[in-house]
Amino acid sequence: MSVANAITLARLPLLFLIVGLLYSGSPVVYFICFWLIIVLVLMDWFDGYVARMRDEVSDLGSILDIALDRVVENVFWLVFFDLNLVPVWVPLVFLSRSFIIDSMRSFVLQRGMSAFGMMHTRAGRFLVASRFMRATYGVAKVSAWCGLALGMALSKWLPPDSIWFILVDTATRGLVYVSVGMCLARGLPVLWDVRAYLGVSLSDEK
């Protein structure tokens, strides 16, 4: 067990600690969750940094990192749905996309291609593999989660017609929709580009 992989796995207990705290009913705890979500996301960056610094980059590390990303993403959307903060179709979109796209990528990985290397169209490379889009997508999701947690705290402290509550609530709803849109926009190119490795196309390449 490398240090980087240990950091990756440490995200799991922190995630479920945050989930438990989100059900506490305390505005102070909700505000703490706001910061813990940020810590959880920074750990995702930190494990990669440690892996590169200590020369611990490995296939296992990459798989664990992707798996934890999926767990964090889907657990948060399901919890916020259960707390009546997002409609049911939001977690359904993310869950469906996770299963379908990751299955396609597993198929391509067996053919010797990487998750990002399989993207051969210009639009696909930009939407799926570019650092800009990956970072933008990540920031949108994290900002939405943080906004939802902050909104839970403010709903206990401020009246619903407070300008600050309205601003946070409106911005958060917008970020949720942006996250869903980017989820779909980054998933569709994978389904399009994977065609090159299916059926006749795969035989033609041989």
Foldseek 3Di string as FASTA:
>chain_A
DDPLVVLLVVLVVLLVVLLVLLPVLALVSLLVSLVSLVVSVVSLVVSVVVCVVVVVDDPVSVVSSVVSVLVSLLVLVVSCVVVVNDPPVLSVLSVVLVVVLVVLQVVVVVVVAHSQRLQDDPQLNVLAPDPVNVVVLVVLSSLLSSLSSNLSSVVVVDPCPDPVSVVSSVVSVVSSVVNSVSSVSNRVSSVVSSVCCDDPNVVVVD
